[in-house]
Amino acid sequence: MKTYLDCLPCFMNQIVRCGRLLEISEADSMSMLREFAGGFADFNLEDPPPQTSIRLYEMIARYAGCRDPFKAIKQESTDKALALYSDLKKRVELSSSPLSLAAKFAVAGNVIDFGVASEFDLGAELDRVVDRGAFGRWEEDKFFAALKEAEWLLYLGDNTGETVMDRLFIETIVRVAEVPVTYVVREKPIINDAVLDDALAAGLNDCAEIISSGCSAPGTVLELCSPEFLNLFYNAPLIVSKGQGNYETLSEIAAPIFFFLKAKCAVVAEHLDVQLGDLVLTR
């Protein structure tokens, strides 16, 4: 998916939101806006938005004076999600369709995204998955049919906190479908995307092998990924891609990918032909 002109004001809004979230001074936030806007002439609109975001979030980290400025916020997101985990697990185990409910919880967890919005109600988002009105394209039958045939699954993670719902989904996949899972995180911190430590904090090491993609974008830019990851990616019988960033970078790649996400911006919603805010599971 390319970068659209509508993405440019979104980048600027991200600078303002993150500046306030990280308590960066208004003067420094203004400096960031000027610096980033000054690079517009060099942007390649054929690149996916997460590739451009690398420059944006490296700049924010520099102004914040911290390699991982969202670290405390990420830990808070994980703690809040873990507080809900036992109840969600019980609901899945008692469900007549545990894989279906766990998949819906996993997608609903995609609401945790400070690159798009810094305010969300995780509990309310998880509760509304029982309402079919929350869904746009929802092709779970196709996914479960593919899962039944897969020898293993490559699972591309997204945001911290959401990782707890990923854990619940993966545990259910391993228990019900008996399919082993390899879980993929970012190479280094960017926004609130999950890196190795965040995946471990969510308990994902108890149900999956965890690896890095080698990519530090808030998505999976294949030309920036490690040879080890690319070998797995191109040989995977089935791939779960979580979140908008992974969708933006992989939507035009020929691979056995199912995209799990919430459509959190108008550009992505239009690209998917769904309504803004819809929960999506699609090939």
C-alpha atoms as a PDB file:
ATOM      1  CA  MET A   1       0.000   0.000   0.000  1.00  0.00           C
ATOM      2  CA  LYS A   2       1.481   3.347  -1.013  1.00  0.00           C
ATOM      3  CA  THR A   3       1.534   6.581   0.990  1.00  0.00           C
ATOM      4  CA  TYR A   4      -1.370   8.880   0.116  1.00  0.00           C
ATOM      5  CA  LEU A   5      -1.461  12.664   0.442  1.00  0.00           C
ATOM      6  CA  ASP A   6      -3.967  12.141   3.272  1.00  0.00           C
ATOM      7  CA  CYS A   7      -1.175  10.399   5.200  1.00  0.00           C
ATOM      8  CA  LEU A   8       0.932  13.574   5.400  1.00  0.00           C
ATOM      9  CA  PRO A   9      -1.323  15.537   7.794  1.00  0.00           C
ATOM     10  CA  CYS A  10      -1.693  12.293   9.766  1.00  0.00           C
ATOM     11  CA  PHE A  11       2.096  12.198  10.245  1.00  0.00           C
ATOM     12  CA  MET A  12       1.963  15.771  11.551  1.00  0.00           C
ATOM     13  CA  ASN A  13      -0.894  14.918  13.919  1.00  0.00           C
ATOM     14  CA  GLN A  14       1.156  11.995  15.238  1.00  0.00           C
ATOM     15  CA  ILE A  15       3.960  14.392  16.121  1.00  0.00           C
ATOM     16  CA  VAL A  16       1.561  16.634  18.080  1.00  0.00           C
ATOM     17  CA  ARG A  17      -0.132  13.706  19.867  1.00  0.00           C
ATOM     18  CA  CYS A  18       3.104  11.953  20.743  1.00  0.00           C
ATOM     19  CA  GLY A  19       4.697  15.202  21.870  1.00  0.00           C
ATOM     20  CA  ARG A  20       1.907  15.703  24.379  1.00  0.00           C
ATOM     21  CA  LEU A  21       1.828  12.055  25.420  1.00  0.00           C
ATOM     22  CA  LEU A  22       5.570  12.083  26.088  1.00  0.00           C
ATOM     23  CA  GLU A  23       5.451  15.567  27.687  1.00  0.00           C
ATOM     24  CA  ILE A  24       7.773  17.077  25.093  1.00  0.00           C
ATOM     25  CA  SER A  25       7.620  20.891  25.260  1.00  0.00           C
ATOM     26  CA  GLU A  26       5.478  22.761  22.741  1.00  0.00           C
ATOM     27  CA  ALA A  27       8.602  24.530  21.494  1.00  0.00           C
ATOM     28  CA  ASP A  28      10.291  21.208  20.761  1.00  0.00           C
ATOM     29  CA  SER A  29       7.103  19.824  19.216  1.00  0.00           C
ATOM     30  CA  MET A  30       7.027  22.844  16.919  1.00  0.00           C
ATOM     31  CA  SER A  31      10.651  22.156  16.007  1.00  0.00           C
ATOM     32  CA  MET A  32       9.734  18.564  15.176  1.00  0.00           C
ATOM     33  CA  LEU A  33       6.880  19.710  12.951  1.00  0.00           C
ATOM     34  CA  ARG A  34       9.217  22.040  11.058  1.00  0.00           C
ATOM     35  CA  GLU A  35      11.920  19.396  10.748  1.00  0.00           C
ATOM     36  CA  PHE A  36       9.588  16.696   9.499  1.00  0.00           C
ATOM     37  CA  ALA A  37       7.711  18.985   7.093  1.00  0.00           C
ATOM     38  CA  GLY A  38      11.058  20.093   5.700  1.00  0.00           C
ATOM     39  CA  GLY A  39      11.612  16.555   4.458  1.00  0.00           C
ATOM     40  CA  PHE A  40       8.349  16.297   2.502  1.00  0.00           C
ATOM     41  CA  ALA A  41      10.152  16.952  -0.776  1.00  0.00           C
ATOM     42  CA  ASP A  42      12.232  13.813  -0.236  1.00  0.00           C
ATOM     43  CA  PHE A  43       9.308  11.506   0.523  1.00  0.00           C
ATOM     44  CA  ASN A  44       8.541   8.719  -1.927  1.00  0.00           C
ATOM     45  CA  LEU A  45       4.775   8.278  -2.049  1.00  0.00           C
ATOM     46  CA  GLU A  46       5.291   4.779  -3.435  1.00  0.00           C
ATOM     47  CA  ASP A  47       6.697   3.717  -0.048  1.00  0.00           C
ATOM     48  CA  PRO A  48       4.197   2.369   2.509  1.00  0.00           C
ATOM     49  CA  PRO A  49       3.444   4.767   5.398  1.00  0.00           C
ATOM     50  CA  PRO A  50       5.331   2.678   8.023  1.00  0.00           C
ATOM     51  CA  GLN A  51       8.546   3.065   6.015  1.00  0.00           C
ATOM     52  CA  THR A  52       8.240   6.844   6.242  1.00  0.00           C
ATOM     53  CA  SER A  53       7.349   6.510   9.925  1.00  0.00           C
ATOM     54  CA  ILE A  54      10.848   5.257  10.729  1.00  0.00           C
ATOM     55  CA  ARG A  55      12.192   8.766  10.182  1.00  0.00           C
ATOM     56  CA  LEU A  56       9.326  10.296  12.156  1.00  0.00           C
ATOM     57  CA  TYR A  57       9.721   8.140  15.264  1.00  0.00           C
ATOM     58  CA  GLU A  58      13.507   8.265  15.257  1.00  0.00           C
ATOM     59  CA  MET A  59      13.086  12.050  15.409  1.00  0.00           C
ATOM     60  CA  ILE A  60      10.573  11.820  18.275  1.00  0.00           C
ATOM     61  CA  ALA A  61      12.915   9.498  20.220  1.00  0.00           C
ATOM     62  CA  ARG A  62      15.754  11.973  19.687  1.00  0.00           C
ATOM     63  CA  TYR A  63      13.697  14.885  21.039  1.00  0.00           C
ATOM     64  CA  ALA A  64      12.462  12.733  23.945  1.00  0.00           C
ATOM     65  CA  GLY A  65      16.091  11.855  24.726  1.00  0.00           C
ATOM     66  CA  CYS A  66      15.225   8.175  25.060  1.00  0.00           C
ATOM     67  CA  ARG A  67      15.707   5.109  22.851  1.00  0.00           C
ATOM     68  CA  ASP A  68      12.331   3.702  23.901  1.00  0.00           C
ATOM     69  CA  PRO A  69      10.197   6.716  24.923  1.00  0.00           C
ATOM     70  CA  PHE A  70       7.003   4.630  25.070  1.00  0.00           C
ATOM     71  CA  LYS A  71       8.469   1.997  27.411  1.00  0.00           C
ATOM     72  CA  ALA A  72       6.436   2.958  30.493  1.00  0.00           C
ATOM     73  CA  ILE A  73       3.268   3.343  28.409  1.00  0.00           C
ATOM     74  CA  LYS A  74       3.848  -0.075  26.847  1.00  0.00           C
ATOM     75  CA  GLN A  75       4.241  -1.681  30.272  1.00  0.00           C
ATOM     76  CA  GLU A  76       0.999  -0.045  31.403  1.00  0.00           C
ATOM     77  CA  SER A  77      -0.792  -1.422  28.317  1.00  0.00           C
ATOM     78  CA  THR A  78       0.531  -4.912  29.039  1.00  0.00           C
ATOM     79  CA  ASP A  79      -0.489  -4.714  32.699  1.00  0.00           C
ATOM     80  CA  LYS A  80      -4.027  -3.600  31.806  1.00  0.00           C
ATOM     81  CA  ALA A  81      -4.388  -6.387  29.244  1.00  0.00           C
ATOM     82  CA  LEU A  82      -3.003  -9.014  31.645  1.00  0.00           C
ATOM     83  CA  ALA A  83      -5.590  -7.915  34.215  1.00  0.00           C
ATOM     84  CA  LEU A  84      -8.280  -8.963  31.709  1.00  0.00           C
ATOM     85  CA  TYR A  85      -6.517 -12.145  30.574  1.00  0.00           C
ATOM     86  CA  SER A  86      -7.985 -14.668  33.060  1.00  0.00           C
ATOM     87  CA  ASP A  87     -11.562 -13.589  32.371  1.00  0.00           C
ATOM     88  CA  LEU A  88     -11.027 -13.616  28.594  1.00  0.00           C
ATOM     89  CA  LYS A  89      -9.404 -17.050  28.761  1.00  0.00           C
ATOM     90  CA  LYS A  90     -12.348 -18.417  30.731  1.00  0.00           C
ATOM     91  CA  ARG A  91     -14.792 -16.966  28.187  1.00  0.00           C
ATOM     92  CA  VAL A  92     -12.857 -18.585  25.330  1.00  0.00           C
ATOM     93  CA  GLU A  93     -12.625 -21.964  27.051  1.00  0.00           C
ATOM     94  CA  LEU A  94     -16.369 -21.982  27.764  1.00  0.00           C
ATOM     95  CA  SER A  95     -17.271 -20.854  24.255  1.00  0.00           C
ATOM     96  CA  SER A  96     -18.850 -23.256  21.776  1.00  0.00           C
ATOM     97  CA  SER A  97     -16.460 -21.743  19.180  1.00  0.00           C
ATOM     98  CA  PRO A  98     -13.225 -21.012  21.086  1.00  0.00           C
ATOM     99  CA  LEU A  99     -11.089 -20.290  18.002  1.00  0.00           C
ATOM    100  CA  SER A 100     -13.654 -17.838  16.683  1.00  0.00           C
ATOM    101  CA  LEU A 101     -13.960 -15.924  19.959  1.00  0.00           C
ATOM    102  CA  ALA A 102     -10.187 -15.874  20.520  1.00  0.00           C
ATOM    103  CA  ALA A 103      -9.708 -14.521  16.976  1.00  0.00           C
ATOM    104  CA  LYS A 104     -12.201 -11.739  17.675  1.00  0.00           C
ATOM    105  CA  PHE A 105     -10.483 -10.824  20.927  1.00  0.00           C
ATOM    106  CA  ALA A 106      -7.143 -10.768  19.089  1.00  0.00           C
ATOM    107  CA  VAL A 107      -8.469  -8.322  16.495  1.00  0.00           C
ATOM    108  CA  ALA A 108     -10.227  -6.190  19.108  1.00  0.00           C
ATOM    109  CA  GLY A 109      -6.882  -5.854  20.916  1.00  0.00           C
ATOM    110  CA  ASN A 110      -5.595  -3.955  17.878  1.00  0.00           C
ATOM    111  CA  VAL A 111      -7.297  -0.865  19.336  1.00  0.00           C
ATOM    112  CA  ILE A 112      -4.091  -0.336  21.388  1.00  0.00           C
ATOM    113  CA  ASP A 113      -2.195   1.933  18.984  1.00  0.00           C
ATOM    114  CA  PHE A 114      -0.496   5.192  19.913  1.00  0.00           C
ATOM    115  CA  GLY A 115       0.509   5.796  16.287  1.00  0.00           C
ATOM    116  CA  VAL A 116      -3.153   6.365  15.433  1.00  0.00           C
ATOM    117  CA  ALA A 117      -4.961   7.251  18.648  1.00  0.00           C
ATOM    118  CA  SER A 118      -3.811   7.677  22.227  1.00  0.00           C
ATOM    119  CA  GLU A 119      -7.257   7.175  23.790  1.00  0.00           C
ATOM    120  CA  PHE A 120      -9.072   3.856  23.807  1.00  0.00           C
ATOM    121  CA  ASP A 121     -11.205   1.631  26.033  1.00  0.00           C
ATOM    122  CA  LEU A 122      -9.790  -1.881  25.743  1.00  0.00           C
ATOM    123  CA  GLY A 123     -12.471  -3.475  27.900  1.00  0.00           C
ATOM    124  CA  ALA A 124     -15.283  -1.912  25.859  1.00  0.00           C
ATOM    125  CA  GLU A 125     -13.604  -2.933  22.608  1.00  0.00           C
ATOM    126  CA  LEU A 126     -13.325  -6.536  23.757  1.00  0.00           C
ATOM    127  CA  ASP A 127     -16.942  -6.594  24.922  1.00  0.00           C
ATOM    128  CA  ARG A 128     -18.272  -5.342  21.596  1.00  0.00           C
ATOM    129  CA  VAL A 129     -16.813  -8.251  19.626  1.00  0.00           C
ATOM    130  CA  VAL A 130     -19.931 -10.258  20.507  1.00  0.00           C
ATOM    131  CA  ASP A 131     -21.865  -7.783  18.327  1.00  0.00           C
ATOM    132  CA  ARG A 132     -21.609  -8.658  14.618  1.00  0.00           C
ATOM    133  CA  GLY A 133     -22.120  -4.977  13.864  1.00  0.00           C
ATOM    134  CA  ALA A 134     -18.502  -4.391  14.879  1.00  0.00           C
ATOM    135  CA  PHE A 135     -17.176  -6.365  11.908  1.00  0.00           C
ATOM    136  CA  GLY A 136     -16.435  -5.455   8.320  1.00  0.00           C
ATOM    137  CA  ARG A 137     -14.864  -8.168   6.187  1.00  0.00           C
ATOM    138  CA  TRP A 138     -14.744 -11.203   8.450  1.00  0.00           C
ATOM    139  CA  GLU A 139     -13.503 -14.311   6.645  1.00  0.00           C
ATOM    140  CA  GLU A 140     -12.876 -16.591   9.593  1.00  0.00           C
ATOM    141  CA  ASP A 141     -14.126 -19.704   7.765  1.00  0.00           C
ATOM    142  CA  LYS A 142     -11.421 -19.268   5.121  1.00  0.00           C
ATOM    143  CA  PHE A 143      -8.790 -18.739   7.814  1.00  0.00           C
ATOM    144  CA  PHE A 144      -9.804 -21.787   9.844  1.00  0.00           C
ATOM    145  CA  ALA A 145      -9.834 -23.922   6.694  1.00  0.00           C
ATOM    146  CA  ALA A 146      -6.285 -22.761   5.922  1.00  0.00           C
ATOM    147  CA  LEU A 147      -5.246 -23.330   9.533  1.00  0.00           C
ATOM    148  CA  LYS A 148      -6.507 -26.903   9.360  1.00  0.00           C
ATOM    149  CA  GLU A 149      -4.090 -27.583   6.479  1.00  0.00           C
ATOM    150  CA  ALA A 150      -1.072 -25.684   7.869  1.00  0.00           C
ATOM    151  CA  GLU A 151       1.887 -27.483   9.453  1.00  0.00           C
ATOM    152  CA  TRP A 152       2.870 -24.301  11.304  1.00  0.00           C
ATOM    153  CA  LEU A 153       1.899 -20.650  11.513  1.00  0.00           C
ATOM    154  CA  LEU A 154       3.941 -17.434  11.237  1.00  0.00           C
ATOM    155  CA  TYR A 155       2.291 -14.736  13.377  1.00  0.00           C
ATOM    156  CA  LEU A 156       3.352 -11.104  12.774  1.00  0.00           C
ATOM    157  CA  GLY A 157       2.736  -9.154  15.986  1.00  0.00           C
ATOM    158  CA  ASP A 158       1.914  -5.476  16.266  1.00  0.00           C
ATOM    159  CA  ASN A 159       1.318  -3.459  19.418  1.00  0.00           C
ATOM    160  CA  THR A 160       2.279  -4.035  23.037  1.00  0.00           C
ATOM    161  CA  GLY A 161      -0.730  -4.913  25.203  1.00  0.00           C
ATOM    162  CA  GLU A 162      -2.385  -6.374  22.135  1.00  0.00           C
ATOM    163  CA  THR A 163       0.265  -9.060  22.620  1.00  0.00           C
ATOM    164  CA  VAL A 164      -1.777 -10.468  25.518  1.00  0.00           C
ATOM    165  CA  MET A 165      -4.754 -11.088  23.214  1.00  0.00           C
ATOM    166  CA  ASP A 166      -2.309 -12.578  20.686  1.00  0.00           C
ATOM    167  CA  ARG A 167      -1.161 -14.938  23.437  1.00  0.00           C
ATOM    168  CA  LEU A 168      -4.733 -16.046  24.128  1.00  0.00           C
ATOM    169  CA  PHE A 169      -5.372 -16.625  20.413  1.00  0.00           C
ATOM    170  CA  ILE A 170      -2.119 -18.544  19.949  1.00  0.00           C
ATOM    171  CA  GLU A 171      -2.772 -20.685  23.034  1.00  0.00           C
ATOM    172  CA  THR A 172      -6.161 -21.545  21.549  1.00  0.00           C
ATOM    173  CA  ILE A 173      -4.632 -22.333  18.142  1.00  0.00           C
ATOM    174  CA  VAL A 174      -2.075 -24.634  19.749  1.00  0.00           C
ATOM    175  CA  ARG A 175      -4.689 -26.324  21.962  1.00  0.00           C
ATOM    176  CA  VAL A 176      -7.542 -26.685  19.478  1.00  0.00           C
ATOM    177  CA  ALA A 177      -5.827 -26.845  16.064  1.00  0.00           C
ATOM    178  CA  GLU A 178      -2.522 -28.321  17.331  1.00  0.00           C
ATOM    179  CA  VAL A 179      -0.538 -25.996  15.060  1.00  0.00           C
ATOM    180  CA  PRO A 180       2.820 -24.644  16.332  1.00  0.00           C
ATOM    181  CA  VAL A 181       3.344 -20.891  16.068  1.00  0.00           C
ATOM    182  CA  THR A 182       6.329 -18.601  15.502  1.00  0.00           C
ATOM    183  CA  TYR A 183       5.653 -15.064  16.773  1.00  0.00           C
ATOM    184  CA  VAL A 184       7.407 -12.075  15.181  1.00  0.00           C
ATOM    185  CA  VAL A 185       8.326  -8.784  16.882  1.00  0.00           C
ATOM    186  CA  ARG A 186      10.079  -5.582  15.757  1.00  0.00           C
ATOM    187  CA  GLU A 187      13.873  -5.399  15.831  1.00  0.00           C
ATOM    188  CA  LYS A 188      14.007  -2.313  18.058  1.00  0.00           C
ATOM    189  CA  PRO A 189      11.526   0.022  19.789  1.00  0.00           C
ATOM    190  CA  ILE A 190       9.271   2.212  17.651  1.00  0.00           C
ATOM    191  CA  ILE A 191       6.043   3.764  18.967  1.00  0.00           C
ATOM    192  CA  ASN A 192       4.317   1.125  21.135  1.00  0.00           C
ATOM    193  CA  ASP A 193       5.078  -1.755  18.768  1.00  0.00           C
ATOM    194  CA  ALA A 194       6.192  -4.951  20.478  1.00  0.00           C
ATOM    195  CA  VAL A 195       9.847  -5.930  20.716  1.00  0.00           C
ATOM    196  CA  LEU A 196      11.206  -9.087  22.367  1.00  0.00           C
ATOM    197  CA  ASP A 197      10.937  -7.813  25.952  1.00  0.00           C
ATOM    198  CA  ASP A 198       7.315  -6.792  25.392  1.00  0.00           C
ATOM    199  CA  ALA A 199       6.411 -10.221  24.012  1.00  0.00           C
ATOM    200  CA  LEU A 200       8.069 -11.886  27.000  1.00  0.00           C
ATOM    201  CA  ALA A 201       6.166  -9.617  29.408  1.00  0.00           C
ATOM    202  CA  ALA A 202       2.909 -10.785  27.802  1.00  0.00           C
ATOM    203  CA  GLY A 203       3.870 -14.444  28.311  1.00  0.00           C
ATOM    204  CA  LEU A 204       4.102 -15.305  24.621  1.00  0.00           C
ATOM    205  CA  ASN A 205       7.207 -17.430  25.183  1.00  0.00           C
ATOM    206  CA  ASP A 206       4.962 -20.003  26.897  1.00  0.00           C
ATOM    207  CA  CYS A 207       3.042 -20.736  23.691  1.00  0.00           C
ATOM    208  CA  ALA A 208       5.209 -19.688  20.743  1.00  0.00           C
ATOM    209  CA  GLU A 209       8.748 -19.314  19.486  1.00  0.00           C
ATOM    210  CA  ILE A 210       9.575 -15.590  19.388  1.00  0.00           C
ATOM    211  CA  ILE A 211      11.801 -14.044  16.701  1.00  0.00           C
ATOM    212  CA  SER A 212      12.563 -10.581  15.341  1.00  0.00           C
ATOM    213  CA  SER A 213      11.764  -9.578  11.775  1.00  0.00           C
ATOM    214  CA  GLY A 214      14.975  -7.571  11.701  1.00  0.00           C
ATOM    215  CA  CYS A 215      12.848  -4.574  10.676  1.00  0.00           C
ATOM    216  CA  SER A 216      12.448  -1.471  12.835  1.00  0.00           C
ATOM    217  CA  ALA A 217       9.502   0.052  10.970  1.00  0.00           C
ATOM    218  CA  PRO A 218       6.022  -0.062  12.552  1.00  0.00           C
ATOM    219  CA  GLY A 219       5.169  -2.678   9.939  1.00  0.00           C
ATOM    220  CA  THR A 220       6.947  -5.386   7.947  1.00  0.00           C
ATOM    221  CA  VAL A 221       8.972  -3.769   5.156  1.00  0.00           C
ATOM    222  CA  LEU A 222      10.412  -6.874   3.524  1.00  0.00           C
ATOM    223  CA  GLU A 223      13.466  -5.163   2.043  1.00  0.00           C
ATOM    224  CA  LEU A 224      14.425  -4.078   5.574  1.00  0.00           C
ATOM    225  CA  CYS A 225      13.938  -7.523   7.154  1.00  0.00           C
ATOM    226  CA  SER A 226      16.639 -10.041   8.072  1.00  0.00           C
ATOM    227  CA  PRO A 227      17.508 -13.013   5.826  1.00  0.00           C
ATOM    228  CA  GLU A 228      16.464 -15.361   8.645  1.00  0.00           C
ATOM    229  CA  PHE A 229      12.999 -13.834   8.831  1.00  0.00           C
ATOM    230  CA  LEU A 230      12.610 -13.710   5.037  1.00  0.00           C
ATOM    231  CA  ASN A 231      13.405 -17.411   4.835  1.00  0.00           C
ATOM    232  CA  LEU A 232      10.564 -18.133   7.267  1.00  0.00           C
ATOM    233  CA  PHE A 233       8.215 -15.656   5.589  1.00  0.00           C
ATOM    234  CA  TYR A 234       8.596 -17.074   2.086  1.00  0.00           C
ATOM    235  CA  ASN A 235       8.302 -20.658   3.321  1.00  0.00           C
ATOM    236  CA  ALA A 236       5.429 -20.196   5.762  1.00  0.00           C
ATOM    237  CA  PRO A 237       2.318 -22.226   4.889  1.00  0.00           C
ATOM    238  CA  LEU A 238       0.133 -19.646   6.673  1.00  0.00           C
ATOM    239  CA  ILE A 239       0.736 -16.113   7.979  1.00  0.00           C
ATOM    240  CA  VAL A 240      -1.270 -13.999  10.428  1.00  0.00           C
ATOM    241  CA  SER A 241      -0.596 -10.282   9.974  1.00  0.00           C
ATOM    242  CA  LYS A 242      -1.768  -8.106  12.868  1.00  0.00           C
ATOM    243  CA  GLY A 243      -2.517  -4.404  12.612  1.00  0.00           C
ATOM    244  CA  GLN A 244      -2.590  -1.555  10.121  1.00  0.00           C
ATOM    245  CA  GLY A 245       1.180  -1.205   9.803  1.00  0.00           C
ATOM    246  CA  ASN A 246       1.611  -4.799   8.700  1.00  0.00           C
ATOM    247  CA  TYR A 247      -1.366  -4.421   6.339  1.00  0.00           C
ATOM    248  CA  GLU A 248       0.085  -1.269   4.788  1.00  0.00           C
ATOM    249  CA  THR A 249       3.407  -2.977   4.129  1.00  0.00           C
ATOM    250  CA  LEU A 250       2.158  -6.416   3.037  1.00  0.00           C
ATOM    251  CA  SER A 251      -1.225  -5.876   1.351  1.00  0.00           C
ATOM    252  CA  GLU A 252       0.265  -6.244  -2.133  1.00  0.00           C
ATOM    253  CA  ILE A 253       2.603  -9.160  -1.365  1.00  0.00           C
ATOM    254  CA  ALA A 254       1.798 -12.576  -2.841  1.00  0.00           C
ATOM    255  CA  ALA A 255       1.842 -14.827   0.221  1.00  0.00           C
ATOM    256  CA  PRO A 256      -0.654 -16.901   2.281  1.00  0.00           C
ATOM    257  CA  ILE A 257      -1.474 -13.947   4.553  1.00  0.00           C
ATOM    258  CA  PHE A 258      -4.613 -13.283   6.572  1.00  0.00           C
ATOM    259  CA  PHE A 259      -4.862  -9.713   7.872  1.00  0.00           C
ATOM    260  CA  PHE A 260      -6.290  -9.145  11.362  1.00  0.00           C
ATOM    261  CA  LEU A 261      -6.840  -5.462  12.196  1.00  0.00           C
ATOM    262  CA  LYS A 262      -9.107  -2.637  13.176  1.00  0.00           C
ATOM    263  CA  ALA A 263      -9.553  -0.050  10.399  1.00  0.00           C
ATOM    264  CA  LYS A 264      -8.423   3.010  12.335  1.00  0.00           C
ATOM    265  CA  CYS A 265      -8.008   5.529   9.529  1.00  0.00           C
ATOM    266  CA  ALA A 266     -10.106   6.504   6.510  1.00  0.00           C
ATOM    267  CA  VAL A 267      -7.380   5.621   3.996  1.00  0.00           C
ATOM    268  CA  VAL A 268      -7.041   2.032   5.244  1.00  0.00           C
ATOM    269  CA  ALA A 269     -10.814   1.644   5.585  1.00  0.00           C
ATOM    270  CA  GLU A 270     -11.315   2.721   1.967  1.00  0.00           C
ATOM    271  CA  HIS A 271      -8.490   0.459   0.804  1.00  0.00           C
ATOM    272  CA  LEU A 272     -10.249  -2.481   2.521  1.00  0.00           C
ATOM    273  CA  ASP A 273     -13.741  -1.334   1.472  1.00  0.00           C
ATOM    274  CA  VAL A 274     -14.979  -1.314   5.073  1.00  0.00           C
ATOM    275  CA  GLN A 275     -16.260   1.320   7.484  1.00  0.00           C
ATOM    276  CA  LEU A 276     -13.935   3.303   9.724  1.00  0.00           C
ATOM    277  CA  GLY A 277     -13.659   1.427  13.028  1.00  0.00           C
ATOM    278  CA  ASP A 278     -14.584  -1.975  11.585  1.00  0.00           C
ATOM    279  CA  LEU A 279     -12.796  -5.091  12.794  1.00  0.00           C
ATOM    280  CA  VAL A 280     -11.364  -7.063   9.882  1.00  0.00           C
ATOM    281  CA  LEU A 281     -10.152 -10.586   9.189  1.00  0.00           C
ATOM    282  CA  THR A 282      -9.437 -11.005   5.486  1.00  0.00           C
ATOM    283  CA  ARG A 283      -7.141 -12.821   3.031  1.00  0.00           C
END
